[in-house]
Structure formats: C-alpha cells, structure tokens
Amino acid sequence: ALEWSLKTMAIAHMSRRDDHPRIFERETDLKELKQYLGSFKGRTIMTLEESGTAHWLYLELLDCVARIIVCDPFHNRLLWHGPKTDKIDAGKLCELLRAGLLKEVYHSDNGVYELRTLVSAYQDVVCAGVRALNQKRALTLGHRDKGKSASFIGEMLQEHIDLYRRSKQQYERRLADVARRNTLVRYQREIDGIGTIGAVRIVATVVDARRFPCAGKYLCYCGLVTHEKLSGGRSYGRRKPRYNRVLKSVYKTAALASIRGANPIREFYDHLLAQGVAEHNARHAVARYIARISYGMLKSGTRYEPYRWKDEVQKVI
C-alpha cells in the first residue's frame, strides 16, 4: 500500500505469513520506489487511493507490479477512525487490501482513456462560461443604474464570455474531429437523441464497457436505477447509488430529445404510454433503454438496431 504526497511517501507491505503490515516512510522519490517494488519476489499487488496523482502513479508503476488497485477513499471507512498519519493510513490500506475490502476505481492505459482529459477540459470550459453568463445576467438585473463598478465588472465578464464562446467552438471542432475518426463514437451517434458531444462523452467516460459484467451494473453506474433497502423482511424505501453524473446527464438528455421527434424510440415511448405507464416512468424507461443499447454497442462493437425494444419491452420496464 502506498500513501503518496509531494514531500513524503509511506509504504506498507505484507506477505501471506505476516499478521501485521511492515511500514516505513521516506522522502518522495519515484526512482527509489520503483527499485523497491522490483526487489519483491513473486506476485505483487499494490494499492493507492484515488487522487490527483493516482493516474500518473498508475501509469508509472504499472510495469513494476502484477496489479495496481486504485481504491475509492470514500469507501475506506476504517481510515476515518483513530489517529491519522500517512504511515497509519498506509498500514490500514494494506490490511484492507489483504482482506479484499477495497472498492476499485477504474484506471487504464488504454488510448481511449486520453479522451477523458479532452472531455473534462471541455466540461470545465462550459461550466465556467455558464457561470459567467449567469453572473452577467444577475449584474444586469441588480444594477439597472449601471454605476462605475458595475460597468467595469460587466466589461470583465463580457471578455470572459467572448473567450468562452471562442474556446467552446474550438473544443467542439476538436470533438467533431474525434467523432469522425473513432468507430465507437460514430456508432453511438446513430442512437436517436445522442449527438456528437454526447457520443464522445460516453466513450471517454466508459473507456472499456467490458469492465461492467452486465447491463444492470452499467445502469447503476449511470444512476438510472435505485437500490431497495431491506432488513428483517421489511422495506425501508430506496436509495440512489453513487453514480457518474456525466453519463446520467447524457442519457436523460437523449431520452428527452428522442421523444420530441419521430423515431423508433418515440414509438417505444408511445407504446409505454399505451400500456398505462405514467409519463415520468416512461421517460425513465426510455433513458434506461438508451443506456442499455449504448452499453451493448460499446461492449460488442456493433451498430445500432432501431427496433430492438420490441423484443425487450418487459426487460426495460
């Protein structure tokens, strides 16, 4: 187990015969860390928590060990109790790894993974631009007399908005270029309601659909299903799992866009309404259907089959 920071690194390790981890702390040195990992004999499994440097460490150390598990820090409740230092956290991580209690965060050296950087940067630009537009609107409504300060702030916000629009156009051209060259993105665009930006966001977020063993797990990751809470034979309602907000946004938007037009998914929506399904439940079913189709296409590399819903009506409801 590794706890990495800019100044120090704490390492804890256990073998099958050890009852407790052996822990030491050193100044941060990537070369020394690689030499240390290379000194182990047999199969070595390493874990570290998800952070800003996690993917860089994953790529740097991938050849030094048999497997690297980047784990979810929010899932590691054991680290929240008692005193906290890098050495203590590394020891607890090592024990959780040995017990098989870590929840892995997906990382890969797949070339598609690089799309995450592009999509993430585009999302940051859009969020910053929308924030500037809202600030400009609020300034206009709140300062109708337009004093000197308000005028200055408005000019600065307008410069930010102009830069946002130019940057957004450049990003969209780059994403359109990716869509032309990437087969998976082109196939995703064939689904009714999913455009170029949505298709690129799906492929960049999922990277490899085979990491989801079934469509149910994928729907859970997209936040399109809920979990029922049961105890003692009694139901205590449902709760939402932690999910990927990007994918939920794409599929929900695709559902709304598709039911506004004339296409096979709109026919599926009308069929659900004819069966007595409430409008909001029908929209949710359409979003789940689009997500299931998208997942199957990513996993198999096949093209869109428009009327697949006729064979799966009961499954998607």
C-alpha atoms as a PDB file:
ATOM      1  CA  ALA A   1       0.000   0.000   0.000  1.00  0.00           C
ATOM      2  CA  LEU A   2       1.264   3.468  -0.892  1.00  0.00           C
ATOM      3  CA  GLU A   3       0.440   6.882   0.601  1.00  0.00           C
ATOM      4  CA  TRP A   4       1.979   9.436  -1.754  1.00  0.00           C
ATOM      5  CA  SER A   5       2.489  13.168  -1.197  1.00  0.00           C
ATOM      6  CA  LEU A   6       4.788  15.847  -2.598  1.00  0.00           C
ATOM      7  CA  LYS A   7       7.276  15.519   0.271  1.00  0.00           C
ATOM      8  CA  THR A   8       6.955  12.010   1.696  1.00  0.00           C
ATOM      9  CA  MET A   9       5.752   8.552   0.766  1.00  0.00           C
ATOM     10  CA  ALA A  10       4.590   5.931   3.251  1.00  0.00           C
ATOM     11  CA  ILE A  11       4.729   2.268   2.223  1.00  0.00           C
ATOM     12  CA  ALA A  12       3.196  -0.717   3.995  1.00  0.00           C
ATOM     13  CA  HIS A  13       3.646  -4.307   2.860  1.00  0.00           C
ATOM     14  CA  MET A  14       2.543  -7.758   3.989  1.00  0.00           C
ATOM     15  CA  SER A  15       3.221 -11.281   2.843  1.00  0.00           C
ATOM     16  CA  ARG A  16       0.948 -14.271   3.303  1.00  0.00           C
ATOM     17  CA  ARG A  17       2.731 -15.182   6.512  1.00  0.00           C
ATOM     18  CA  ASP A  18       2.560 -11.707   8.115  1.00  0.00           C
ATOM     19  CA  ASP A  19      -0.058 -10.850  10.726  1.00  0.00           C
ATOM     20  CA  HIS A  20       0.644  -7.114  10.638  1.00  0.00           C
ATOM     21  CA  PRO A  21       1.985  -4.813   7.904  1.00  0.00           C
ATOM     22  CA  ARG A  22       5.535  -3.542   7.982  1.00  0.00           C
ATOM     23  CA  ILE A  23       5.545   0.211   7.419  1.00  0.00           C
ATOM     24  CA  PHE A  24       8.212   2.776   6.656  1.00  0.00           C
ATOM     25  CA  GLU A  25       8.286   6.359   5.435  1.00  0.00           C
ATOM     26  CA  ARG A  26      10.747   8.015   3.057  1.00  0.00           C
ATOM     27  CA  GLU A  27      11.158  11.227   1.127  1.00  0.00           C
ATOM     28  CA  THR A  28       9.242  11.119  -2.149  1.00  0.00           C
ATOM     29  CA  ASP A  29      11.410   9.506  -4.815  1.00  0.00           C
ATOM     30  CA  LEU A  30       9.820   7.702  -7.765  1.00  0.00           C
ATOM     31  CA  LYS A  31      13.063   6.022  -8.825  1.00  0.00           C
ATOM     32  CA  GLU A  32      13.640   4.604  -5.331  1.00  0.00           C
ATOM     33  CA  LEU A  33      10.026   3.413  -5.206  1.00  0.00           C
ATOM     34  CA  LYS A  34      10.406   1.536  -8.500  1.00  0.00           C
ATOM     35  CA  GLN A  35      13.612  -0.127  -7.272  1.00  0.00           C
ATOM     36  CA  TYR A  36      11.889  -1.137  -4.054  1.00  0.00           C
ATOM     37  CA  LEU A  37       8.926  -2.677  -5.886  1.00  0.00           C
ATOM     38  CA  GLY A  38      11.294  -4.501  -8.219  1.00  0.00           C
ATOM     39  CA  SER A  39      13.000  -6.160  -5.244  1.00  0.00           C
ATOM     40  CA  PHE A  40       9.936  -8.250  -4.354  1.00  0.00           C
ATOM     41  CA  LYS A  41       9.737 -11.859  -5.470  1.00  0.00           C
ATOM     42  CA  GLY A  42       6.516 -13.487  -6.568  1.00  0.00           C
ATOM     43  CA  ARG A  43       3.262 -11.742  -7.457  1.00  0.00           C
ATOM     44  CA  THR A  44       2.921  -8.229  -6.037  1.00  0.00           C
ATOM     45  CA  ILE A  45      -0.394  -6.387  -5.726  1.00  0.00           C
ATOM     46  CA  MET A  46      -0.252  -2.692  -4.927  1.00  0.00           C
ATOM     47  CA  THR A  47      -2.950  -0.250  -3.841  1.00  0.00           C
ATOM     48  CA  LEU A  48      -3.198   3.520  -3.533  1.00  0.00           C
ATOM     49  CA  GLU A  49      -6.123   5.868  -3.056  1.00  0.00           C
ATOM     50  CA  GLU A  50      -7.746   7.858  -5.851  1.00  0.00           C
ATOM     51  CA  SER A  51      -6.260  11.370  -6.006  1.00  0.00           C
ATOM     52  CA  GLY A  52      -4.897  13.939  -8.420  1.00  0.00           C
ATOM     53  CA  THR A  53      -1.676  11.964  -8.873  1.00  0.00           C
ATOM     54  CA  ALA A  54      -3.284   8.497  -8.914  1.00  0.00           C
ATOM     55  CA  HIS A  55      -3.413   8.049 -12.695  1.00  0.00           C
ATOM     56  CA  TRP A  56       0.162   9.295 -13.128  1.00  0.00           C
ATOM     57  CA  LEU A  57       1.386   6.824 -10.491  1.00  0.00           C
ATOM     58  CA  TYR A  58      -0.729   4.093 -12.096  1.00  0.00           C
ATOM     59  CA  LEU A  59       0.994   4.564 -15.454  1.00  0.00           C
ATOM     60  CA  GLU A  60       4.471   4.945 -13.911  1.00  0.00           C
ATOM     61  CA  LEU A  61       4.255   1.838 -11.697  1.00  0.00           C
ATOM     62  CA  LEU A  62       2.175  -0.433 -13.926  1.00  0.00           C
ATOM     63  CA  ASP A  63       5.228  -2.378 -15.122  1.00  0.00           C
ATOM     64  CA  CYS A  64       6.701  -2.735 -11.625  1.00  0.00           C
ATOM     65  CA  VAL A  65       3.916  -4.872 -10.090  1.00  0.00           C
ATOM     66  CA  ALA A  66       1.480  -7.557 -11.183  1.00  0.00           C
ATOM     67  CA  ARG A  67      -1.585  -5.439 -10.438  1.00  0.00           C
ATOM     68  CA  ILE A  68      -2.410  -1.936  -9.185  1.00  0.00           C
ATOM     69  CA  ILE A  69      -5.694  -1.234  -7.409  1.00  0.00           C
ATOM     70  CA  VAL A  70      -6.623   2.442  -7.242  1.00  0.00           C
ATOM     71  CA  CYS A  71      -9.223   2.416  -4.480  1.00  0.00           C
ATOM     72  CA  ASP A  72     -12.120   4.697  -3.570  1.00  0.00           C
ATOM     73  CA  PRO A  73     -11.181   6.759  -0.458  1.00  0.00           C
ATOM     74  CA  PHE A  74     -14.851   7.325   0.445  1.00  0.00           C
ATOM     75  CA  HIS A  75     -15.323   3.582   0.763  1.00  0.00           C
ATOM     76  CA  ASN A  76     -12.441   3.112   3.224  1.00  0.00           C
ATOM     77  CA  ARG A  77     -14.296   3.760   6.456  1.00  0.00           C
ATOM     78  CA  LEU A  78     -11.521   2.153   8.527  1.00  0.00           C
ATOM     79  CA  LEU A  79      -9.253   5.105   7.724  1.00  0.00           C
ATOM     80  CA  TRP A  80     -11.675   7.559   9.338  1.00  0.00           C
ATOM     81  CA  HIS A  81     -11.272   6.239  12.898  1.00  0.00           C
ATOM     82  CA  GLY A  82      -8.447   6.825  15.354  1.00  0.00           C
ATOM     83  CA  PRO A  83      -5.248   8.810  14.799  1.00  0.00           C
ATOM     84  CA  LYS A  84      -4.329   9.691  11.235  1.00  0.00           C
ATOM     85  CA  THR A  85      -0.876   9.835   9.664  1.00  0.00           C
ATOM     86  CA  ASP A  86       0.450   8.657   6.315  1.00  0.00           C
ATOM     87  CA  LYS A  87       2.044   5.614   7.965  1.00  0.00           C
ATOM     88  CA  ILE A  88      -1.162   4.667   9.773  1.00  0.00           C
ATOM     89  CA  ASP A  89      -3.233   5.111   6.610  1.00  0.00           C
ATOM     90  CA  ALA A  90      -0.782   3.007   4.592  1.00  0.00           C
ATOM     91  CA  GLY A  91      -0.993   0.218   7.169  1.00  0.00           C
ATOM     92  CA  LYS A  92      -4.800   0.253   7.155  1.00  0.00           C
ATOM     93  CA  LEU A  93      -4.851   0.264   3.341  1.00  0.00           C
ATOM     94  CA  CYS A  94      -2.605  -2.769   3.335  1.00  0.00           C
ATOM     95  CA  GLU A  95      -4.937  -4.618   5.722  1.00  0.00           C
ATOM     96  CA  LEU A  96      -7.986  -3.700   3.625  1.00  0.00           C
ATOM     97  CA  LEU A  97      -6.206  -4.949   0.511  1.00  0.00           C
ATOM     98  CA  ARG A  98      -5.364  -8.242   2.179  1.00  0.00           C
ATOM     99  CA  ALA A  99      -8.976  -8.672   3.317  1.00  0.00           C
ATOM    100  CA  GLY A 100     -10.346  -7.859  -0.125  1.00  0.00           C
ATOM    101  CA  LEU A 101     -12.416  -4.923   1.166  1.00  0.00           C
ATOM    102  CA  LEU A 102     -11.270  -2.231  -1.274  1.00  0.00           C
ATOM    103  CA  LYS A 103     -13.587  -0.720  -3.870  1.00  0.00           C
ATOM    104  CA  GLU A 104     -11.607  -0.212  -7.054  1.00  0.00           C
ATOM    105  CA  VAL A 105     -11.714   2.958  -9.155  1.00  0.00           C
ATOM    106  CA  TYR A 106     -11.224   2.178 -12.830  1.00  0.00           C
ATOM    107  CA  HIS A 107      -7.914   3.216 -14.416  1.00  0.00           C
ATOM    108  CA  SER A 108      -6.419   2.053 -17.684  1.00  0.00           C
ATOM    109  CA  ASP A 109      -3.544   2.688 -20.064  1.00  0.00           C
ATOM    110  CA  ASN A 110      -5.989   2.361 -22.966  1.00  0.00           C
ATOM    111  CA  GLY A 111      -5.530   5.065 -25.616  1.00  0.00           C
ATOM    112  CA  VAL A 112      -9.238   5.944 -25.368  1.00  0.00           C
ATOM    113  CA  TYR A 113      -8.547   6.966 -21.777  1.00  0.00           C
ATOM    114  CA  GLU A 114      -6.847  10.102 -23.115  1.00  0.00           C
ATOM    115  CA  LEU A 115     -10.250  11.338 -24.263  1.00  0.00           C
ATOM    116  CA  ARG A 116     -11.099  11.875 -20.605  1.00  0.00           C
ATOM    117  CA  THR A 117      -8.698  14.810 -20.498  1.00  0.00           C
ATOM    118  CA  LEU A 118     -10.296  16.437 -23.545  1.00  0.00           C
ATOM    119  CA  VAL A 119     -13.858  15.874 -22.347  1.00  0.00           C
ATOM    120  CA  SER A 120     -13.017  17.029 -18.817  1.00  0.00           C
ATOM    121  CA  ALA A 121     -11.414  20.223 -20.122  1.00  0.00           C
ATOM    122  CA  TYR A 122     -14.436  20.885 -22.354  1.00  0.00           C
ATOM    123  CA  GLN A 123     -16.764  20.410 -19.389  1.00  0.00           C
ATOM    124  CA  ASP A 124     -14.711  22.861 -17.313  1.00  0.00           C
ATOM    125  CA  VAL A 125     -14.906  25.456 -20.091  1.00  0.00           C
ATOM    126  CA  VAL A 126     -18.683  25.062 -20.367  1.00  0.00           C
ATOM    127  CA  CYS A 127     -19.211  25.315 -16.600  1.00  0.00           C
ATOM    128  CA  ALA A 128     -17.041  28.447 -16.383  1.00  0.00           C
ATOM    129  CA  GLY A 129     -18.838  30.011 -19.349  1.00  0.00           C
ATOM    130  CA  VAL A 130     -22.313  29.304 -17.983  1.00  0.00           C
ATOM    131  CA  ARG A 131     -21.254  30.755 -14.636  1.00  0.00           C
ATOM    132  CA  ALA A 132     -20.046  33.949 -16.359  1.00  0.00           C
ATOM    133  CA  LEU A 133     -23.313  34.240 -18.323  1.00  0.00           C
ATOM    134  CA  ASN A 134     -25.328  33.879 -15.121  1.00  0.00           C
ATOM    135  CA  GLN A 135     -23.174  36.475 -13.376  1.00  0.00           C
ATOM    136  CA  LYS A 136     -23.623  38.900 -16.268  1.00  0.00           C
ATOM    137  CA  ARG A 137     -27.396  38.429 -16.182  1.00  0.00           C
ATOM    138  CA  ALA A 138     -27.526  38.880 -12.404  1.00  0.00           C
ATOM    139  CA  LEU A 139     -25.393  42.032 -12.686  1.00  0.00           C
ATOM    140  CA  THR A 140     -27.738  43.454 -15.330  1.00  0.00           C
ATOM    141  CA  LEU A 141     -30.836  42.819 -13.220  1.00  0.00           C
ATOM    142  CA  GLY A 142     -29.284  44.019  -9.972  1.00  0.00           C
ATOM    143  CA  HIS A 143     -27.639  47.243 -11.240  1.00  0.00           C
ATOM    144  CA  ARG A 144     -30.047  48.907 -13.615  1.00  0.00           C
ATOM    145  CA  ASP A 145     -28.485  52.320 -12.925  1.00  0.00           C
ATOM    146  CA  LYS A 146     -25.083  50.962 -14.024  1.00  0.00           C
ATOM    147  CA  GLY A 147     -22.578  52.643 -11.732  1.00  0.00           C
ATOM    148  CA  LYS A 148     -18.838  52.734 -12.430  1.00  0.00           C
ATOM    149  CA  SER A 149     -18.121  49.466 -10.617  1.00  0.00           C
ATOM    150  CA  ALA A 150     -20.980  47.663 -12.332  1.00  0.00           C
ATOM    151  CA  SER A 151     -19.778  48.823 -15.745  1.00  0.00           C
ATOM    152  CA  PHE A 152     -16.231  47.628 -15.030  1.00  0.00           C
ATOM    153  CA  ILE A 153     -17.433  44.242 -13.789  1.00  0.00           C
ATOM    154  CA  GLY A 154     -19.705  43.922 -16.821  1.00  0.00           C
ATOM    155  CA  GLU A 155     -16.801  44.579 -19.206  1.00  0.00           C
ATOM    156  CA  MET A 156     -14.653  41.940 -17.486  1.00  0.00           C
ATOM    157  CA  LEU A 157     -17.483  39.406 -17.608  1.00  0.00           C
ATOM    158  CA  GLN A 158     -18.109  40.159 -21.283  1.00  0.00           C
ATOM    159  CA  GLU A 159     -14.441  39.485 -22.080  1.00  0.00           C
ATOM    160  CA  HIS A 160     -14.743  36.191 -20.215  1.00  0.00           C
ATOM    161  CA  ILE A 161     -17.914  35.323 -22.150  1.00  0.00           C
ATOM    162  CA  ASP A 162     -16.290  36.120 -25.503  1.00  0.00           C
ATOM    163  CA  LEU A 163     -13.306  33.935 -24.610  1.00  0.00           C
ATOM    164  CA  TYR A 164     -15.674  31.168 -23.512  1.00  0.00           C
ATOM    165  CA  ARG A 165     -17.514  31.207 -26.833  1.00  0.00           C
ATOM    166  CA  ARG A 166     -14.289  31.069 -28.851  1.00  0.00           C
ATOM    167  CA  SER A 167     -12.885  28.263 -26.680  1.00  0.00           C
ATOM    168  CA  LYS A 168     -16.134  26.311 -26.864  1.00  0.00           C
ATOM    169  CA  GLN A 169     -16.105  26.459 -30.658  1.00  0.00           C
ATOM    170  CA  GLN A 170     -12.512  25.215 -30.779  1.00  0.00           C
ATOM    171  CA  TYR A 171     -13.283  22.341 -28.415  1.00  0.00           C
ATOM    172  CA  GLU A 172     -16.363  21.371 -30.397  1.00  0.00           C
ATOM    173  CA  ARG A 173     -14.339  21.278 -33.627  1.00  0.00           C
ATOM    174  CA  ARG A 174     -11.785  19.041 -31.901  1.00  0.00           C
ATOM    175  CA  LEU A 175     -14.522  16.749 -30.572  1.00  0.00           C
ATOM    176  CA  ALA A 176     -16.116  16.569 -34.033  1.00  0.00           C
ATOM    177  CA  ASP A 177     -12.750  15.516 -35.446  1.00  0.00           C
ATOM    178  CA  VAL A 178     -12.525  12.770 -32.818  1.00  0.00           C
ATOM    179  CA  ALA A 179     -16.053  11.638 -33.702  1.00  0.00           C
ATOM    180  CA  ARG A 180     -15.102  11.216 -37.364  1.00  0.00           C
ATOM    181  CA  ARG A 181     -12.045   9.096 -36.576  1.00  0.00           C
ATOM    182  CA  ASN A 182     -13.397   6.928 -33.738  1.00  0.00           C
ATOM    183  CA  THR A 183     -15.632   3.998 -34.724  1.00  0.00           C
ATOM    184  CA  LEU A 184     -17.266   3.669 -31.290  1.00  0.00           C
ATOM    185  CA  VAL A 185     -18.202   7.350 -31.269  1.00  0.00           C
ATOM    186  CA  ARG A 186     -19.688   7.108 -34.779  1.00  0.00           C
ATOM    187  CA  TYR A 187     -21.810   4.146 -33.722  1.00  0.00           C
ATOM    188  CA  GLN A 188     -23.046   5.956 -30.599  1.00  0.00           C
ATOM    189  CA  ARG A 189     -24.145   8.907 -32.733  1.00  0.00           C
ATOM    190  CA  GLU A 190     -26.549   6.596 -34.570  1.00  0.00           C
ATOM    191  CA  ILE A 191     -28.715   6.299 -31.449  1.00  0.00           C
ATOM    192  CA  ASP A 192     -31.675   8.670 -31.544  1.00  0.00           C
ATOM    193  CA  GLY A 193     -31.136  11.616 -29.203  1.00  0.00           C
ATOM    194  CA  ILE A 194     -27.347  11.282 -28.906  1.00  0.00           C
ATOM    195  CA  GLY A 195     -25.270  13.862 -30.755  1.00  0.00           C
ATOM    196  CA  THR A 196     -21.551  14.311 -31.304  1.00  0.00           C
ATOM    197  CA  ILE A 197     -20.764  15.774 -27.880  1.00  0.00           C
ATOM    198  CA  GLY A 198     -22.866  13.168 -26.082  1.00  0.00           C
ATOM    199  CA  ALA A 199     -21.273  10.290 -28.003  1.00  0.00           C
ATOM    200  CA  VAL A 200     -17.747  11.481 -27.228  1.00  0.00           C
ATOM    201  CA  ARG A 201     -18.636  11.923 -23.545  1.00  0.00           C
ATOM    202  CA  ILE A 202     -19.994   8.365 -23.370  1.00  0.00           C
ATOM    203  CA  VAL A 203     -16.941   6.753 -24.977  1.00  0.00           C
ATOM    204  CA  ALA A 204     -14.493   8.879 -22.968  1.00  0.00           C
ATOM    205  CA  THR A 205     -16.233   8.099 -19.676  1.00  0.00           C
ATOM    206  CA  VAL A 206     -16.767   4.372 -20.188  1.00  0.00           C
ATOM    207  CA  VAL A 207     -13.410   3.664 -21.928  1.00  0.00           C
ATOM    208  CA  ASP A 208     -13.964  -0.120 -21.806  1.00  0.00           C
ATOM    209  CA  ALA A 209     -17.519  -1.445 -21.422  1.00  0.00           C
ATOM    210  CA  ARG A 210     -16.208  -4.900 -20.505  1.00  0.00           C
ATOM    211  CA  ARG A 211     -15.410  -3.643 -17.024  1.00  0.00           C
ATOM    212  CA  PHE A 212     -19.165  -3.846 -16.335  1.00  0.00           C
ATOM    213  CA  PRO A 213     -20.192  -7.516 -16.084  1.00  0.00           C
ATOM    214  CA  CYS A 214     -23.830  -6.861 -17.041  1.00  0.00           C
ATOM    215  CA  ALA A 215     -26.226  -4.138 -18.122  1.00  0.00           C
ATOM    216  CA  GLY A 216     -27.627  -3.832 -14.591  1.00  0.00           C
ATOM    217  CA  LYS A 217     -24.239  -2.808 -13.221  1.00  0.00           C
ATOM    218  CA  TYR A 218     -23.909  -0.257 -16.007  1.00  0.00           C
ATOM    219  CA  LEU A 219     -27.341   1.224 -15.286  1.00  0.00           C
ATOM    220  CA  CYS A 220     -26.348   1.510 -11.630  1.00  0.00           C
ATOM    221  CA  TYR A 221     -23.132   3.313 -12.628  1.00  0.00           C
ATOM    222  CA  CYS A 222     -25.231   5.700 -14.732  1.00  0.00           C
ATOM    223  CA  GLY A 223     -27.570   6.466 -11.823  1.00  0.00           C
ATOM    224  CA  LEU A 224     -30.638   5.174 -13.695  1.00  0.00           C
ATOM    225  CA  VAL A 225     -31.706   2.609 -11.073  1.00  0.00           C
ATOM    226  CA  THR A 226     -32.201   2.681  -7.308  1.00  0.00           C
ATOM    227  CA  HIS A 227     -31.374   0.168  -4.574  1.00  0.00           C
ATOM    228  CA  GLU A 228     -34.066  -1.111  -2.229  1.00  0.00           C
ATOM    229  CA  LYS A 229     -33.213  -1.131   1.483  1.00  0.00           C
ATOM    230  CA  LEU A 230     -34.384  -4.360   3.130  1.00  0.00           C
ATOM    231  CA  SER A 231     -33.917  -5.523   6.697  1.00  0.00           C
ATOM    232  CA  GLY A 232     -35.807  -8.209   8.595  1.00  0.00           C
ATOM    233  CA  GLY A 233     -38.133  -8.735   5.660  1.00  0.00           C
ATOM    234  CA  ARG A 234     -39.196  -5.088   5.735  1.00  0.00           C
ATOM    235  CA  SER A 235     -38.564  -2.483   3.049  1.00  0.00           C
ATOM    236  CA  TYR A 236     -37.180   0.878   4.152  1.00  0.00           C
ATOM    237  CA  GLY A 237     -37.513   2.583   0.775  1.00  0.00           C
ATOM    238  CA  ARG A 238     -34.977   3.052  -1.983  1.00  0.00           C
ATOM    239  CA  ARG A 239     -31.765   4.972  -2.271  1.00  0.00           C
ATOM    240  CA  LYS A 240     -29.644   6.154  -5.159  1.00  0.00           C
ATOM    241  CA  PRO A 241     -26.171   4.679  -5.562  1.00  0.00           C
ATOM    242  CA  ARG A 242     -23.127   6.844  -6.143  1.00  0.00           C
ATOM    243  CA  TYR A 243     -23.178   7.307  -9.893  1.00  0.00           C
ATOM    244  CA  ASN A 244     -21.480   9.047 -12.794  1.00  0.00           C
ATOM    245  CA  ARG A 245     -23.228  12.372 -13.373  1.00  0.00           C
ATOM    246  CA  VAL A 246     -21.868  12.754 -16.911  1.00  0.00           C
ATOM    247  CA  LEU A 247     -23.490   9.552 -18.164  1.00  0.00           C
ATOM    248  CA  LYS A 248     -26.767  10.239 -16.382  1.00  0.00           C
ATOM    249  CA  SER A 249     -26.917  13.689 -17.963  1.00  0.00           C
ATOM    250  CA  VAL A 250     -26.199  12.306 -21.446  1.00  0.00           C
ATOM    251  CA  TYR A 251     -28.826   9.548 -21.287  1.00  0.00           C
ATOM    252  CA  LYS A 252     -31.501  11.720 -19.669  1.00  0.00           C
ATOM    253  CA  THR A 253     -30.927  14.420 -22.303  1.00  0.00           C
ATOM    254  CA  ALA A 254     -31.011  11.799 -25.074  1.00  0.00           C
ATOM    255  CA  ALA A 255     -34.344  10.484 -23.770  1.00  0.00           C
ATOM    256  CA  LEU A 256     -35.900  13.958 -23.793  1.00  0.00           C
ATOM    257  CA  ALA A 257     -34.532  14.714 -27.271  1.00  0.00           C
ATOM    258  CA  SER A 258     -35.674  11.409 -28.784  1.00  0.00           C
ATOM    259  CA  ILE A 259     -39.274  11.565 -27.542  1.00  0.00           C
ATOM    260  CA  ARG A 260     -39.683  15.007 -29.137  1.00  0.00           C
ATOM    261  CA  GLY A 261     -39.113  13.658 -32.650  1.00  0.00           C
ATOM    262  CA  ALA A 262     -40.377  10.930 -34.952  1.00  0.00           C
ATOM    263  CA  ASN A 263     -38.100   7.915 -34.470  1.00  0.00           C
ATOM    264  CA  PRO A 264     -38.175   4.315 -33.188  1.00  0.00           C
ATOM    265  CA  ILE A 265     -37.508   5.412 -29.583  1.00  0.00           C
ATOM    266  CA  ARG A 266     -40.528   7.739 -29.727  1.00  0.00           C
ATOM    267  CA  GLU A 267     -42.555   4.694 -30.853  1.00  0.00           C
ATOM    268  CA  PHE A 268     -41.279   2.847 -27.787  1.00  0.00           C
ATOM    269  CA  TYR A 269     -42.301   5.790 -25.592  1.00  0.00           C
ATOM    270  CA  ASP A 270     -45.796   5.841 -27.140  1.00  0.00           C
ATOM    271  CA  HIS A 271     -46.069   2.083 -26.593  1.00  0.00           C
ATOM    272  CA  LEU A 272     -45.314   2.530 -22.893  1.00  0.00           C
ATOM    273  CA  LEU A 273     -47.943   5.240 -22.582  1.00  0.00           C
ATOM    274  CA  ALA A 274     -50.468   2.999 -24.328  1.00  0.00           C
ATOM    275  CA  GLN A 275     -49.726   0.291 -21.756  1.00  0.00           C
ATOM    276  CA  GLY A 276     -50.724   2.679 -18.964  1.00  0.00           C
ATOM    277  CA  VAL A 277     -47.213   3.641 -17.820  1.00  0.00           C
ATOM    278  CA  ALA A 278     -47.057   7.125 -16.292  1.00  0.00           C
ATOM    279  CA  GLU A 279     -45.232   9.775 -18.340  1.00  0.00           C
ATOM    280  CA  HIS A 280     -42.346  10.211 -15.890  1.00  0.00           C
ATOM    281  CA  ASN A 281     -41.874   6.437 -15.598  1.00  0.00           C
ATOM    282  CA  ALA A 282     -41.978   6.148 -19.396  1.00  0.00           C
ATOM    283  CA  ARG A 283     -39.241   8.792 -19.715  1.00  0.00           C
ATOM    284  CA  HIS A 284     -37.106   6.909 -17.181  1.00  0.00           C
ATOM    285  CA  ALA A 285     -37.690   3.659 -19.097  1.00  0.00           C
ATOM    286  CA  VAL A 286     -36.588   5.345 -22.332  1.00  0.00           C
ATOM    287  CA  ALA A 287     -33.402   6.625 -20.660  1.00  0.00           C
ATOM    288  CA  ARG A 288     -32.644   3.122 -19.338  1.00  0.00           C
ATOM    289  CA  TYR A 289     -33.359   1.629 -22.761  1.00  0.00           C
ATOM    290  CA  ILE A 290     -30.950   4.051 -24.467  1.00  0.00           C
ATOM    291  CA  ALA A 291     -28.308   3.272 -21.838  1.00  0.00           C
ATOM    292  CA  ARG A 292     -28.754  -0.487 -22.320  1.00  0.00           C
ATOM    293  CA  ILE A 293     -28.437  -0.160 -26.093  1.00  0.00           C
ATOM    294  CA  SER A 294     -25.413   2.117 -25.746  1.00  0.00           C
ATOM    295  CA  TYR A 295     -23.746  -0.328 -23.339  1.00  0.00           C
ATOM    296  CA  GLY A 296     -24.363  -3.292 -25.647  1.00  0.00           C
ATOM    297  CA  MET A 297     -22.928  -1.433 -28.640  1.00  0.00           C
ATOM    298  CA  LEU A 298     -19.811  -0.411 -26.705  1.00  0.00           C
ATOM    299  CA  LYS A 299     -19.272  -3.931 -25.409  1.00  0.00           C
ATOM    300  CA  SER A 300     -19.803  -5.764 -28.701  1.00  0.00           C
ATOM    301  CA  GLY A 301     -18.651  -3.077 -31.152  1.00  0.00           C
ATOM    302  CA  THR A 302     -21.861  -3.461 -33.180  1.00  0.00           C
ATOM    303  CA  ARG A 303     -24.099  -0.830 -34.785  1.00  0.00           C
ATOM    304  CA  TYR A 304     -27.454   0.459 -33.643  1.00  0.00           C
ATOM    305  CA  GLU A 305     -30.548  -1.730 -34.164  1.00  0.00           C
ATOM    306  CA  PRO A 306     -33.520   0.681 -34.036  1.00  0.00           C
ATOM    307  CA  TYR A 307     -36.361  -1.707 -33.146  1.00  0.00           C
ATOM    308  CA  ARG A 308     -34.579  -3.850 -30.576  1.00  0.00           C
ATOM    309  CA  TRP A 309     -37.052  -2.628 -27.969  1.00  0.00           C
ATOM    310  CA  LYS A 310     -39.833  -4.816 -29.395  1.00  0.00           C
ATOM    311  CA  ASP A 311     -38.007  -7.901 -28.106  1.00  0.00           C
ATOM    312  CA  GLU A 312     -37.111  -6.324 -24.748  1.00  0.00           C
ATOM    313  CA  VAL A 313     -40.193  -4.380 -23.675  1.00  0.00           C
ATOM    314  CA  GLN A 314     -40.645  -6.288 -20.438  1.00  0.00           C
ATOM    315  CA  LYS A 315     -36.923  -6.143 -19.621  1.00  0.00           C
ATOM    316  CA  VAL A 316     -36.527  -2.359 -19.871  1.00  0.00           C
ATOM    317  CA  ILE A 317     -39.761  -1.542 -17.995  1.00  0.00           C
END
